[in-house]
Amino acid sequence: MKGRDLQLPDGGTWNISLFDIARQSKYSGLRAHLISEKLVTAEVVYTALSISAPWGPSRIHPGTGSLLIWKFGQGFLVDFRSINVYLWVIGSSVGERLRLRRPFSATMNDSGSTGIIRCVEYTPFTGRALVQFERSTLPQHKGTRTVVLRIVKLIHLTKSEGFDASRMPEPKDGDLLMTRSVGRHWIPWSVDVDRPQPGSESRGPSSRALSILFDNEAEHTSGSRGRG
């Protein structure tokens, strides 16, 4: 007998996040049942319970609806108009929250009709794209653990009236996400996960989060060799 997953009105699959099951008391019965049936282990539940990130004076946890990434090449959707894209990078026993800040917009100097120069956000596109994190193979990143973001497929793209490609490159299928450098040149967006923050000996939140992808890859490779 075959069945199918329960669907939500929007076509998505009905689900309850394990992070919610681990944290919320209303799911205590379901939590105990999952452990007793060996569908999850108590260790996995504890890990889900312990993953969090700072959020002002408090902490935030992943839950139902959170975007979860755990490997290179795992696609996720980004809206071109998004000011920030938040996602969680999950490892075997850790998790970090990652923010992609204005991935498809740029800050421009504009004088407008007043003649006074001011910084404005330039977001010339609407639509969505399927993107994925990849280990960089660019020559300038040789010998480093650097992550880039590739545009796998444009789902929909509309350019604003008077779009100027010299101000911001148009995203295309297969291209890398571009960002503006300090010298105002467009370069591939990238994060060297081993490089400390400027003026600090510690790594930044993006480096900590994306380093988990390398750790997961190494863990998977060693596990595959062990089984072989």
Protein backbone atom coordinates (compact mmCIF):
# COMPACT_ATOMS: atom_id res chain seq x y z
CA MET A 1 0.00 0.00 0.00
CA LYS A 2 1.38 3.34 -1.02
CA GLY A 3 0.67 6.69 0.56
CA ARG A 4 1.76 10.25 0.10
CA ASP A 5 2.87 13.06 2.35
CA LEU A 6 0.23 15.36 3.80
CA GLN A 7 0.27 18.57 1.79
CA LEU A 8 -0.30 22.13 2.96
CA PRO A 9 -2.60 24.47 0.98
CA ASP A 10 0.46 26.09 -0.64
CA GLY A 11 1.72 22.72 -1.86
CA GLY A 12 4.41 22.33 0.78
CA THR A 13 4.79 19.20 2.88
CA TRP A 14 3.25 19.30 6.36
CA ASN A 15 5.96 18.90 8.98
CA ILE A 16 7.03 19.69 12.52
CA SER A 17 10.66 20.65 12.95
CA LEU A 18 12.73 18.42 15.22
CA PHE A 19 14.02 21.65 16.78
CA ASP A 20 10.47 22.50 17.88
CA ILE A 21 9.87 18.93 19.07
CA ALA A 22 13.04 19.12 21.18
CA ARG A 23 12.22 22.50 22.76
CA GLN A 24 8.47 22.82 23.18
CA SER A 25 6.67 21.12 26.06
CA LYS A 26 3.53 20.49 23.99
CA TYR A 27 5.54 17.98 21.96
CA SER A 28 6.87 16.06 24.99
CA GLY A 29 4.73 13.01 24.16
CA LEU A 30 5.83 12.99 20.53
CA ARG A 31 9.44 13.50 21.62
CA ALA A 32 9.29 10.48 23.95
CA HIS A 33 7.60 8.37 21.26
CA LEU A 34 10.24 9.19 18.64
CA ILE A 35 13.01 8.20 21.05
CA SER A 36 11.27 4.99 22.19
CA GLU A 37 10.70 3.94 18.57
CA LYS A 38 14.37 4.70 17.83
CA LEU A 39 13.39 7.14 15.09
CA VAL A 40 15.76 9.63 16.73
CA THR A 41 18.26 9.28 19.55
CA ALA A 42 18.29 11.23 22.78
CA GLU A 43 21.66 12.64 21.68
CA VAL A 44 20.13 14.06 18.50
CA VAL A 45 17.30 15.62 20.49
CA TYR A 46 19.80 17.19 22.89
CA THR A 47 21.80 18.59 19.97
CA ALA A 48 18.63 20.09 18.47
CA LEU A 49 17.82 21.60 21.85
CA SER A 50 21.27 23.18 22.27
CA ILE A 51 21.58 24.89 18.87
CA SER A 52 20.91 28.63 19.12
CA ALA A 53 22.27 32.03 18.13
CA PRO A 54 22.34 35.51 19.74
CA TRP A 55 19.33 37.71 19.00
CA GLY A 56 19.66 41.01 20.83
CA PRO A 57 19.57 40.33 24.57
CA SER A 58 18.11 36.85 24.07
CA ARG A 59 18.76 33.82 21.87
CA ILE A 60 16.98 32.44 18.84
CA HIS A 61 16.55 28.81 17.83
CA PRO A 62 15.81 27.14 14.49
CA GLY A 63 12.27 25.87 14.12
CA THR A 64 9.55 24.97 11.65
CA GLY A 65 10.05 27.10 8.55
CA SER A 66 13.75 27.75 9.18
CA LEU A 67 16.05 27.35 6.20
CA LEU A 68 18.54 24.58 7.02
CA ILE A 69 21.74 23.91 5.06
CA TRP A 70 24.17 21.08 5.78
CA LYS A 71 26.17 20.43 2.60
CA PHE A 72 27.73 22.07 -0.43
CA GLY A 73 25.49 22.00 -3.50
CA GLN A 74 22.27 22.10 -1.50
CA GLY A 75 19.98 24.54 -3.28
CA PHE A 76 17.78 27.15 -1.63
CA LEU A 77 15.61 29.98 -2.92
CA VAL A 78 16.48 33.65 -2.55
CA ASP A 79 14.17 36.57 -3.31
CA PHE A 80 16.00 39.39 -5.11
CA ARG A 81 14.22 41.97 -2.94
CA SER A 82 15.30 40.39 0.35
CA ILE A 83 17.22 42.77 2.58
CA ASN A 84 18.59 39.87 4.60
CA VAL A 85 18.50 36.12 4.03
CA TYR A 86 18.77 34.09 7.23
CA LEU A 87 19.63 30.41 7.30
CA TRP A 88 21.05 27.83 9.67
CA VAL A 89 24.11 25.76 8.81
CA ILE A 90 23.79 22.47 10.68
CA GLY A 91 26.52 19.98 11.58
CA SER A 92 26.45 16.65 13.39
CA SER A 93 26.52 18.32 16.80
CA VAL A 94 26.61 22.08 16.11
CA GLY A 95 24.68 24.75 14.27
CA GLU A 96 25.26 28.39 13.38
CA ARG A 97 22.94 31.08 12.05
CA LEU A 98 24.13 32.80 8.88
CA ARG A 99 22.97 36.13 7.48
CA LEU A 100 23.38 37.00 3.82
CA ARG A 101 23.10 40.77 3.77
CA ARG A 102 21.46 42.26 0.67
CA PRO A 103 22.73 39.55 -1.71
CA PHE A 104 21.20 41.14 -4.81
CA SER A 105 21.49 44.84 -4.07
CA ALA A 106 24.28 47.38 -3.69
CA THR A 107 24.90 50.73 -2.03
CA MET A 108 25.26 53.56 -4.52
CA ASN A 109 26.05 57.27 -4.28
CA ASP A 110 23.17 59.31 -5.68
CA SER A 111 22.76 63.07 -5.84
CA GLY A 112 19.19 63.03 -7.14
CA SER A 113 17.54 66.38 -7.87
CA THR A 114 18.98 68.09 -4.78
CA GLY A 115 22.63 67.74 -5.78
CA ILE A 116 23.42 66.40 -2.30
CA ILE A 117 25.25 63.08 -2.51
CA ARG A 118 23.75 60.36 -0.36
CA CYS A 119 24.02 56.59 -0.16
CA VAL A 120 21.01 54.66 -1.44
CA GLU A 121 20.23 50.98 -1.82
CA TYR A 122 20.13 49.98 -5.48
CA THR A 123 17.97 46.88 -6.04
CA PRO A 124 17.21 46.71 -9.76
CA PHE A 125 15.73 43.20 -9.87
CA THR A 126 12.60 41.42 -8.76
CA GLY A 127 12.11 37.68 -8.82
CA ARG A 128 13.78 34.65 -7.28
CA ALA A 129 16.74 32.41 -7.89
CA LEU A 130 17.87 28.97 -6.79
CA VAL A 131 21.37 29.29 -5.33
CA GLN A 132 23.88 27.02 -3.61
CA PHE A 133 27.10 27.26 -1.62
CA GLU A 134 30.19 25.74 -3.24
CA ARG A 135 33.81 25.18 -2.33
CA SER A 136 35.68 27.81 -4.36
CA THR A 137 37.91 26.64 -7.21
CA LEU A 138 38.90 30.17 -8.25
CA PRO A 139 42.69 30.69 -8.68
CA GLN A 140 42.77 33.48 -6.09
CA HIS A 141 41.39 31.08 -3.48
CA LYS A 142 43.82 28.22 -4.14
CA GLY A 143 45.05 26.62 -0.92
CA THR A 144 42.25 28.11 1.18
CA ARG A 145 38.91 26.90 2.45
CA THR A 146 36.78 29.49 0.72
CA VAL A 147 33.06 29.37 -0.03
CA VAL A 148 31.31 31.02 -2.98
CA LEU A 149 27.61 31.24 -3.83
CA ARG A 150 26.43 30.11 -7.26
CA ILE A 151 23.21 31.05 -9.03
CA VAL A 152 21.96 27.65 -10.16
CA LYS A 153 18.76 28.78 -11.85
CA LEU A 154 16.76 31.97 -12.20
CA ILE A 155 13.15 31.23 -11.31
CA HIS A 156 11.96 34.65 -12.39
CA LEU A 157 13.80 37.87 -13.16
CA THR A 158 12.43 41.30 -13.96
CA LYS A 159 14.74 44.26 -14.43
CA SER A 160 13.69 47.71 -13.29
CA GLU A 161 13.09 50.42 -15.87
CA GLY A 162 16.35 52.09 -16.84
CA PHE A 163 18.47 49.20 -15.58
CA ASP A 164 22.18 50.01 -15.93
CA ALA A 165 24.43 46.93 -16.10
CA SER A 166 27.47 49.10 -15.32
CA ARG A 167 26.06 49.78 -11.85
CA MET A 168 25.33 46.15 -11.06
CA PRO A 169 25.89 42.98 -13.12
CA GLU A 170 22.77 41.11 -14.16
CA PRO A 171 22.49 37.68 -12.48
CA LYS A 172 22.50 34.72 -14.88
CA ASP A 173 22.16 30.96 -14.61
CA GLY A 174 25.47 29.40 -13.57
CA ASP A 175 27.12 32.67 -12.52
CA LEU A 176 28.60 33.31 -9.10
CA LEU A 177 26.98 35.88 -6.85
CA MET A 178 28.93 39.13 -7.16
CA THR A 179 29.62 41.78 -4.56
CA ARG A 180 31.32 45.17 -4.62
CA SER A 181 34.85 45.35 -3.27
CA VAL A 182 36.38 48.19 -1.28
CA GLY A 183 37.75 49.54 -4.57
CA ARG A 184 34.19 49.53 -5.97
CA HIS A 185 34.96 46.69 -8.38
CA TRP A 186 32.60 43.75 -8.76
CA ILE A 187 34.14 40.50 -7.51
CA PRO A 188 32.71 37.08 -6.60
CA TRP A 189 31.13 36.99 -3.14
CA SER A 190 33.29 34.72 -0.99
CA VAL A 191 34.11 33.78 2.59
CA ASP A 192 37.47 32.35 3.67
CA VAL A 193 36.33 30.34 6.68
CA ASP A 194 39.79 30.35 8.30
CA ARG A 195 40.45 34.08 8.02
CA PRO A 196 39.89 36.08 11.23
CA GLN A 197 37.84 39.25 11.28
CA PRO A 198 39.75 42.49 10.60
CA GLY A 199 41.34 43.70 13.82
CA SER A 200 40.61 40.44 15.61
CA GLU A 201 42.11 37.01 16.08
CA SER A 202 38.73 35.30 16.02
CA ARG A 203 36.60 34.31 13.06
CA GLY A 204 33.37 36.08 12.23
CA PRO A 205 29.89 34.51 12.30
CA SER A 206 29.86 33.83 8.55
CA SER A 207 33.19 31.99 8.75
CA ARG A 208 32.05 29.94 11.74
CA ALA A 209 28.81 28.99 10.03
CA LEU A 210 30.24 28.09 6.63
CA SER A 211 33.17 26.15 8.12
CA ILE A 212 30.57 23.58 9.19
CA LEU A 213 30.09 22.67 5.52
CA PHE A 214 33.77 21.72 5.27
CA ASP A 215 33.54 19.75 8.52
CA ASN A 216 30.46 17.88 7.27
CA GLU A 217 32.20 17.11 3.99
CA ALA A 218 35.27 15.74 5.77
CA GLU A 219 33.10 13.71 8.15
CA HIS A 220 31.12 12.23 5.26
CA THR A 221 34.30 11.37 3.36
CA SER A 222 35.93 9.65 6.34
CA GLY A 223 32.70 7.79 7.06
CA SER A 224 32.47 6.55 3.47
CA ARG A 225 36.06 5.30 3.60
CA GLY A 226 35.36 3.53 6.88
CA ARG A 227 32.39 1.70 5.38
CA GLY A 228 34.42 0.80 2.30
